[in-house]
């Protein structure tokens, strides 16, 4: 895979503000987020793939799915503050998409994803700073980036889920001005490994999760200077298991989620505490998978994903939400939306404030953004067209 980064001047046109009366956040003075003018959410055909929330603001990223010929993605960013969504197009152009975002403080974020260059796909990264999005150069040959976690404006870790047998786990460290490649954990050069998500507590502790060489669960820990395996189920052949997300509120506790199975998939979850990983059960579903998790403490996490197979009308794909209260996962039921729906990411700034994002397919067959809010007791719809 090759990498091309679009180094353009940031746009400075204010995005469209969409009022969400029931979802107002605590008002805070902050710069407006600038970007190319886009249509209101009710007119967008796009998917939100990642979100990060701090007190007073949430930033979601993804792509608008162009319906014009030839169809192509275009990076998209949505900012929620003061009860309004601002939808903007960061620099990058067609054939680029953002999959993950991390905001260490109000108004400052790093987002990562991919960009297509001819027949190849490479990594892509952007920074939100001072109200503007800027593309940030990546080392040559950086593959698609799947996740990023920032602990400050000058330190982040990004990882890639690489699928070529000849490749290994890849991680990049952001120092505030540039990206530097970090050596993978020992052993990952021997076979097929991939990191799908990362969560950092500080520059001396991160946990990254994904899949091992035989599609067993994998987790690597960062100690400030190197990676080491904290979980590797390479010897447990026979399944198709992987962890797609991880959240570590402290170095002593992390929660990770994903899926297990073959043709029919089922959600899987594990927790890190006491210096080791333990699988934990999830509420029974006929089929489904978990895409993301966000924890504010060892006793408060929200996970999101999809239940159902989507193979027929009796098992449509439906967004699912789970809650962790320290000992077990329980299901939070929400209203069925459209023909099918899915939640791809969740961000929590505190136990009583989480926003989950994804997409729904309307009865007219159009894919549009979906946003739901968790207030600590129940789900409320922040945005979903009929």
Protein backbone atom coordinates (compact mmCIF):
# COMPACT_ATOMS: atom_id res chain seq x y z
CA UNK A 1 0.00 0.00 0.00
CA UNK A 2 1.11 3.55 -0.67
CA UNK A 3 0.34 6.76 1.10
CA UNK A 4 -0.55 10.18 -0.19
CA UNK A 5 -1.30 13.07 2.10
CA UNK A 6 -3.11 16.09 0.73
CA UNK A 7 -1.28 19.15 2.05
CA UNK A 8 -3.78 21.91 1.53
CA UNK A 9 -4.51 25.16 3.22
CA UNK A 10 -7.34 24.82 5.75
CA UNK A 11 -10.78 26.00 4.73
CA UNK A 12 -12.30 28.89 6.64
CA UNK A 13 -15.98 28.77 5.78
CA UNK A 14 -18.32 28.08 8.66
CA UNK A 15 -20.22 24.81 8.55
CA UNK A 16 -24.01 24.58 8.77
CA UNK A 17 -25.36 24.62 12.33
CA UNK A 18 -28.17 22.18 13.10
CA UNK A 19 -30.01 22.79 16.37
CA UNK A 20 -30.62 19.78 18.63
CA UNK A 21 -32.93 21.21 21.25
CA UNK A 22 -32.93 18.20 23.57
CA UNK A 23 -29.19 17.66 23.52
CA UNK A 24 -27.69 20.95 24.69
CA UNK A 25 -24.27 20.77 26.32
CA UNK A 26 -22.85 23.11 28.93
CA UNK A 27 -22.16 26.40 27.09
CA UNK A 28 -18.44 27.14 26.83
CA UNK A 29 -16.57 29.91 25.05
CA UNK A 30 -14.68 28.40 22.13
CA UNK A 31 -13.74 29.11 18.51
CA UNK A 32 -16.14 28.02 15.79
CA UNK A 33 -15.02 25.04 13.74
CA UNK A 34 -14.34 26.06 10.16
CA UNK A 35 -14.62 24.00 7.00
CA UNK A 36 -16.26 23.78 3.60
CA UNK A 37 -19.98 24.53 3.69
CA UNK A 38 -22.06 21.35 3.56
CA UNK A 39 -25.76 20.52 3.56
CA UNK A 40 -27.78 20.12 6.76
CA UNK A 41 -27.67 16.63 8.29
CA UNK A 42 -31.14 15.97 6.94
CA UNK A 43 -29.72 16.15 3.41
CA UNK A 44 -26.48 14.23 3.96
CA UNK A 45 -25.87 10.69 2.79
CA UNK A 46 -23.00 9.71 4.99
CA UNK A 47 -21.67 7.61 7.83
CA UNK A 48 -20.21 8.69 11.16
CA UNK A 49 -17.43 6.24 12.06
CA UNK A 50 -15.70 7.76 15.09
CA UNK A 51 -16.40 10.21 17.91
CA UNK A 52 -14.56 11.82 20.81
CA UNK A 53 -16.19 13.84 23.59
CA UNK A 54 -14.83 16.23 26.19
CA UNK A 55 -16.96 18.39 28.52
CA UNK A 56 -18.72 20.92 26.31
CA UNK A 57 -18.00 19.37 22.92
CA UNK A 58 -18.13 16.20 20.83
CA UNK A 59 -16.40 15.76 17.47
CA UNK A 60 -17.47 12.98 15.11
CA UNK A 61 -15.74 11.95 11.88
CA UNK A 62 -16.56 9.79 8.90
CA UNK A 63 -17.35 10.37 5.28
CA UNK A 64 -20.05 11.59 2.99
CA UNK A 65 -21.00 8.89 0.52
CA UNK A 66 -21.33 10.59 -2.84
CA UNK A 67 -24.22 9.39 -4.99
CA UNK A 68 -22.72 10.95 -8.11
CA UNK A 69 -20.88 8.87 -10.70
CA UNK A 70 -18.23 7.77 -10.04
CA UNK A 71 -19.20 7.29 -6.39
CA UNK A 72 -16.55 8.30 -3.88
CA UNK A 73 -16.07 9.09 -0.22
CA UNK A 74 -15.20 12.53 1.08
CA UNK A 75 -13.98 13.19 4.63
CA UNK A 76 -16.57 14.67 6.92
CA UNK A 77 -16.44 16.11 10.45
CA UNK A 78 -19.32 17.02 12.75
CA UNK A 79 -18.90 19.11 15.91
CA UNK A 80 -21.55 19.23 18.64
CA UNK A 81 -21.46 22.19 21.00
CA UNK A 82 -24.04 24.55 22.46
CA UNK A 83 -26.76 22.10 21.38
CA UNK A 84 -25.87 22.40 17.69
CA UNK A 85 -24.09 20.26 15.11
CA UNK A 86 -21.65 21.94 12.73
CA UNK A 87 -20.99 19.78 9.67
CA UNK A 88 -17.80 20.52 7.73
CA UNK A 89 -15.56 18.98 5.08
CA UNK A 90 -11.92 18.92 6.23
CA UNK A 91 -9.15 19.14 3.59
CA UNK A 92 -8.41 15.88 1.85
CA UNK A 93 -10.65 15.74 -1.17
CA UNK A 94 -12.48 12.79 -2.72
CA UNK A 95 -11.40 9.21 -2.03
CA UNK A 96 -10.51 9.97 1.60
CA UNK A 97 -12.31 8.97 4.77
CA UNK A 98 -11.81 9.45 8.51
CA UNK A 99 -12.37 6.47 10.80
CA UNK A 100 -11.25 7.60 14.26
CA UNK A 101 -10.81 10.83 16.22
CA UNK A 102 -9.38 11.77 19.60
CA UNK A 103 -9.76 15.16 21.29
CA UNK A 104 -7.53 15.70 24.34
CA UNK A 105 -9.13 19.07 25.04
CA UNK A 106 -11.81 21.40 23.78
CA UNK A 107 -11.23 22.44 20.16
CA UNK A 108 -8.16 20.26 19.57
CA UNK A 109 -8.36 16.86 17.89
CA UNK A 110 -6.41 14.37 15.77
CA UNK A 111 -8.35 12.25 13.25
CA UNK A 112 -7.05 9.33 11.17
CA UNK A 113 -8.31 7.16 8.33
CA UNK A 114 -7.36 6.39 4.75
CA UNK A 115 -7.00 7.88 1.31
CA UNK A 116 -7.01 6.14 -2.07
CA UNK A 117 -4.13 6.71 -4.47
CA UNK A 118 -4.82 4.93 -7.73
CA UNK A 119 -5.47 1.28 -6.91
CA UNK A 120 -3.85 1.53 -3.47
CA UNK A 121 -4.96 2.78 -0.08
CA UNK A 122 -2.73 4.56 2.39
CA UNK A 123 -2.98 6.21 5.77
CA UNK A 124 -4.43 9.67 6.26
CA UNK A 125 -4.36 12.01 9.29
CA UNK A 126 -5.68 15.47 10.10
CA UNK A 127 -5.49 17.85 13.01
CA UNK A 128 -8.18 20.22 14.31
CA UNK A 129 -6.45 23.22 15.84
CA UNK A 130 -7.63 26.80 16.29
CA UNK A 131 -10.90 26.09 14.51
CA UNK A 132 -9.29 24.69 11.35
CA UNK A 133 -8.58 21.20 10.04
CA UNK A 134 -5.09 20.59 8.64
CA UNK A 135 -3.75 17.45 6.92
CA UNK A 136 -0.65 16.14 8.72
CA UNK A 137 2.12 14.32 6.79
CA UNK A 138 2.67 10.63 7.54
CA UNK A 139 5.79 8.49 7.06
CA UNK A 140 6.05 7.06 3.55
CA UNK A 141 4.23 3.77 3.15
CA UNK A 142 1.90 4.22 6.11
CA UNK A 143 -1.06 1.85 5.63
CA UNK A 144 -4.69 2.57 6.50
CA UNK A 145 -4.93 3.92 10.05
CA UNK A 146 -7.74 2.46 12.13
CA UNK A 147 -7.56 4.27 15.48
CA UNK A 148 -5.94 7.14 17.37
CA UNK A 149 -5.74 8.12 21.04
CA UNK A 150 -4.39 11.44 22.36
CA UNK A 151 -3.48 12.35 25.92
CA UNK A 152 -2.43 15.92 25.11
CA UNK A 153 -2.05 18.29 22.18
CA UNK A 154 1.54 17.11 21.78
CA UNK A 155 1.21 13.34 22.21
CA UNK A 156 -0.96 10.75 20.45
CA UNK A 157 -0.66 7.12 19.37
CA UNK A 158 -2.25 5.78 16.16
CA UNK A 159 -2.44 2.15 15.02
CA UNK A 160 -3.17 0.25 11.83
CA UNK A 161 -5.02 -2.99 11.19
CA UNK A 162 -2.77 -4.55 8.54
CA UNK A 163 -4.01 -7.65 6.73
CA UNK A 164 -1.06 -8.62 4.55
CA UNK A 165 0.72 -11.72 5.87
CA UNK A 166 4.09 -10.08 5.24
CA UNK A 167 3.19 -7.05 7.33
CA UNK A 168 2.95 -6.59 11.08
CA UNK A 169 1.31 -4.35 13.63
CA UNK A 170 2.05 -0.72 12.94
CA UNK A 171 1.91 2.16 15.40
CA UNK A 172 2.69 5.84 14.95
CA UNK A 173 3.55 8.36 17.66
CA UNK A 174 2.52 12.03 17.29
CA UNK A 175 4.78 14.57 19.03
CA UNK A 176 2.74 17.66 18.24
CA UNK A 177 4.39 18.41 14.91
CA UNK A 178 5.10 15.08 13.18
CA UNK A 179 4.41 11.33 13.14
CA UNK A 180 7.10 8.78 13.98
CA UNK A 181 6.80 5.04 13.39
CA UNK A 182 7.11 2.84 16.49
CA UNK A 183 8.48 -0.74 16.38
CA UNK A 184 5.81 -3.44 16.88
CA UNK A 185 5.67 -5.85 19.79
CA UNK A 186 8.11 -8.79 19.61
CA UNK A 187 6.79 -11.69 17.54
CA UNK A 188 4.34 -9.74 15.41
CA UNK A 189 6.70 -9.80 12.43
CA UNK A 190 6.10 -13.53 12.19
CA UNK A 191 2.69 -13.88 10.61
CA UNK A 192 -0.57 -12.03 10.27
CA UNK A 193 -1.45 -9.55 12.98
CA UNK A 194 -3.48 -6.36 13.08
CA UNK A 195 -4.33 -3.61 15.55
CA UNK A 196 -7.81 -2.18 15.20
CA UNK A 197 -7.95 0.20 18.16
CA UNK A 198 -5.82 1.95 20.77
CA UNK A 199 -6.51 3.75 24.06
CA UNK A 200 -3.89 5.74 25.99
CA UNK A 201 -3.95 6.93 29.58
CA UNK A 202 -0.61 8.73 29.32
CA UNK A 203 2.47 8.74 27.11
CA UNK A 204 3.72 5.81 29.21
CA UNK A 205 0.62 3.58 29.02
CA UNK A 206 -1.46 2.57 26.02
CA UNK A 207 -3.37 -0.58 25.17
CA UNK A 208 -3.92 -1.60 21.55
CA UNK A 209 -6.18 -4.48 20.50
CA UNK A 210 -6.90 -6.46 17.34
CA UNK A 211 -6.39 -9.97 16.01
CA UNK A 212 -3.53 -12.47 16.09
CA UNK A 213 -2.10 -14.71 13.40
CA UNK A 214 -4.84 -17.34 13.71
CA UNK A 215 -7.62 -14.80 14.27
CA UNK A 216 -7.48 -15.01 18.02
CA UNK A 217 -7.76 -12.03 20.34
CA UNK A 218 -4.69 -9.80 20.54
CA UNK A 219 -3.69 -6.95 22.86
CA UNK A 220 -0.38 -5.06 23.07
CA UNK A 221 0.67 -2.74 25.90
CA UNK A 222 2.85 0.38 25.50
CA UNK A 223 5.15 1.36 28.39
CA UNK A 224 6.47 4.65 27.04
CA UNK A 225 9.29 3.20 24.99
CA UNK A 226 8.16 -0.13 23.52
CA UNK A 227 5.22 -2.47 22.89
CA UNK A 228 4.76 -5.89 24.49
CA UNK A 229 2.08 -8.56 24.13
CA UNK A 230 -0.45 -8.54 26.95
CA UNK A 231 -2.82 -11.00 25.22
CA UNK A 232 -2.12 -13.28 22.26
CA UNK A 233 -4.44 -16.16 21.38
CA UNK A 234 -2.47 -17.21 18.31
CA UNK A 235 -2.50 -20.84 19.45
CA UNK A 236 -6.28 -20.96 19.78
CA UNK A 237 -7.14 -21.78 16.17
CA UNK A 238 -10.64 -22.65 15.08
CA UNK A 239 -12.45 -19.33 15.43
CA UNK A 240 -12.54 -15.91 13.83
CA UNK A 241 -12.15 -13.69 16.87
CA UNK A 242 -11.01 -10.09 17.02
CA UNK A 243 -11.19 -7.04 19.25
CA UNK A 244 -12.35 -3.92 17.44
CA UNK A 245 -12.21 -1.36 20.27
CA UNK A 246 -10.63 -0.67 23.66
CA UNK A 247 -11.06 2.02 26.31
CA UNK A 248 -8.75 2.53 29.30
CA UNK A 249 -9.86 5.13 31.87
CA UNK A 250 -6.80 4.16 33.97
CA UNK A 251 -3.72 1.98 33.55
CA UNK A 252 -5.33 -0.53 35.92
CA UNK A 253 -8.52 -1.08 33.90
CA UNK A 254 -9.41 -1.41 30.22
CA UNK A 255 -12.50 -2.75 28.49
CA UNK A 256 -12.30 -4.21 24.99
CA UNK A 257 -15.06 -5.41 22.65
CA UNK A 258 -15.32 -7.11 19.28
CA UNK A 259 -16.80 -10.22 17.74
CA UNK A 260 -16.31 -13.95 17.52
CA UNK A 261 -17.57 -16.58 15.12
CA UNK A 262 -17.57 -17.38 11.43
CA UNK A 263 -20.54 -16.94 9.11
CA UNK A 264 -22.66 -15.97 12.11
CA UNK A 265 -20.91 -13.51 14.43
CA UNK A 266 -21.47 -12.89 18.11
CA UNK A 267 -20.21 -10.10 20.33
CA UNK A 268 -17.15 -10.67 22.52
CA UNK A 269 -15.75 -8.62 25.40
CA UNK A 270 -12.74 -8.70 27.72
CA UNK A 271 -11.46 -6.59 30.61
CA UNK A 272 -7.91 -5.77 31.71
CA UNK A 273 -7.40 -5.58 35.46
CA UNK A 274 -4.88 -6.99 37.86
CA UNK A 275 -2.35 -6.97 35.04
CA UNK A 276 -4.14 -9.55 32.88
CA UNK A 277 -7.05 -9.97 30.46
CA UNK A 278 -10.27 -11.88 31.22
CA UNK A 279 -13.11 -12.60 28.81
CA UNK A 280 -16.53 -11.49 30.07
CA UNK A 281 -19.92 -12.52 28.70
CA UNK A 282 -22.23 -10.18 26.80
CA UNK A 283 -26.04 -10.27 26.67
CA UNK A 284 -27.26 -13.02 24.35
CA UNK A 285 -28.22 -12.01 20.84
CA UNK A 286 -29.13 -14.19 17.87
CA UNK A 287 -26.14 -12.65 16.14
CA UNK A 288 -24.22 -9.39 16.14
CA UNK A 289 -20.98 -7.61 16.91
CA UNK A 290 -19.63 -4.70 18.97
CA UNK A 291 -17.80 -1.85 17.26
CA UNK A 292 -16.70 0.52 20.01
CA UNK A 293 -16.53 1.13 23.76
CA UNK A 294 -15.97 4.19 25.94
CA UNK A 295 -15.26 4.09 29.69
CA UNK A 296 -15.11 6.91 32.21
CA UNK A 297 -14.15 4.59 35.09
CA UNK A 298 -13.78 0.89 35.88
CA UNK A 299 -17.47 0.89 36.81
CA UNK A 300 -18.88 2.86 33.88
CA UNK A 301 -18.60 1.92 30.19
CA UNK A 302 -20.88 2.07 27.15
CA UNK A 303 -20.39 -0.24 24.16
CA UNK A 304 -22.17 0.02 20.80
CA UNK A 305 -22.59 -2.13 17.74
CA UNK A 306 -25.14 -4.09 15.77
CA UNK A 307 -27.37 -7.08 16.42
CA UNK A 308 -29.00 -9.36 13.85
CA UNK A 309 -27.66 -10.91 10.67
CA UNK A 310 -29.34 -8.77 8.02
CA UNK A 311 -29.81 -11.90 5.93
CA UNK A 312 -33.60 -11.67 5.92
CA UNK A 313 -36.50 -9.64 7.30
CA UNK A 314 -36.66 -11.75 10.47
CA UNK A 315 -33.17 -10.65 11.59
CA UNK A 316 -32.58 -7.06 10.41
CA UNK A 317 -29.43 -5.24 11.44
CA UNK A 318 -30.28 -3.06 14.45
CA UNK A 319 -28.17 -0.71 16.52
CA UNK A 320 -27.34 -2.13 19.95
CA UNK A 321 -26.03 -0.49 23.14
CA UNK A 322 -24.54 -2.22 26.20
CA UNK A 323 -23.70 -0.83 29.65
CA UNK A 324 -20.92 -1.94 31.99
CA UNK A 325 -21.30 -1.15 35.70
CA UNK A 326 -18.23 -2.85 37.06
CA UNK A 327 -19.13 -6.54 36.99
CA UNK A 328 -21.19 -7.36 33.87
CA UNK A 329 -22.57 -6.07 30.58
CA UNK A 330 -26.30 -5.38 30.32
CA UNK A 331 -28.36 -4.42 27.28
CA UNK A 332 -29.87 -0.98 26.79
CA UNK A 333 -32.78 -1.15 24.40
CA UNK A 334 -33.47 1.63 21.92
CA UNK A 335 -36.13 2.16 19.29
CA UNK A 336 -35.75 0.38 15.95
CA UNK A 337 -34.75 2.84 13.26
CA UNK A 338 -35.36 2.65 9.52
CA UNK A 339 -34.86 -0.52 7.53
CA UNK A 340 -31.59 -1.18 9.36
CA UNK A 341 -29.25 0.70 11.66
CA UNK A 342 -25.82 0.41 13.22
CA UNK A 343 -23.78 2.30 15.78
CA UNK A 344 -20.09 2.46 14.92
CA UNK A 345 -18.62 4.58 17.72
CA UNK A 346 -19.32 6.04 21.15
CA UNK A 347 -17.67 8.79 23.17
CA UNK A 348 -18.27 9.55 26.86
CA UNK A 349 -17.06 12.68 28.63
CA UNK A 350 -18.60 11.52 31.91
CA UNK A 351 -20.82 8.68 33.14
CA UNK A 352 -23.96 10.72 32.44
CA UNK A 353 -22.90 12.02 29.02
CA UNK A 354 -22.20 9.80 26.01
CA UNK A 355 -22.92 10.26 22.33
CA UNK A 356 -23.13 7.24 20.00
CA UNK A 357 -22.90 7.66 16.24
CA UNK A 358 -23.50 5.49 13.20
CA UNK A 359 -25.86 5.27 10.28
CA UNK A 360 -29.36 4.18 9.38
CA UNK A 361 -30.95 3.15 6.14
CA UNK A 362 -34.22 4.98 5.73
CA UNK A 363 -37.37 3.49 4.25
CA UNK A 364 -36.43 5.31 1.06
CA UNK A 365 -33.16 3.38 0.96
CA UNK A 366 -30.84 6.31 1.76
CA UNK A 367 -27.95 5.97 4.23
CA UNK A 368 -27.86 8.89 6.67
CA UNK A 369 -26.11 9.71 9.96
CA UNK A 370 -27.53 8.45 13.25
CA UNK A 371 -26.76 9.98 16.67
CA UNK A 372 -28.03 8.84 20.06
CA UNK A 373 -27.29 10.24 23.52
CA UNK A 374 -26.92 8.39 26.81
CA UNK A 375 -27.68 10.48 29.90
CA UNK A 376 -26.75 7.87 32.49
CA UNK A 377 -30.23 6.38 32.63
CA UNK A 378 -31.70 6.19 29.13
CA UNK A 379 -31.09 6.70 25.41
CA UNK A 380 -32.42 9.76 23.61
CA UNK A 381 -32.34 10.38 19.90
CA UNK A 382 -30.19 13.39 19.05
CA UNK A 383 -30.49 13.00 15.31
CA UNK A 384 -32.21 10.48 13.06
CA UNK A 385 -34.41 11.34 10.08
CA UNK A 386 -37.59 9.40 9.48
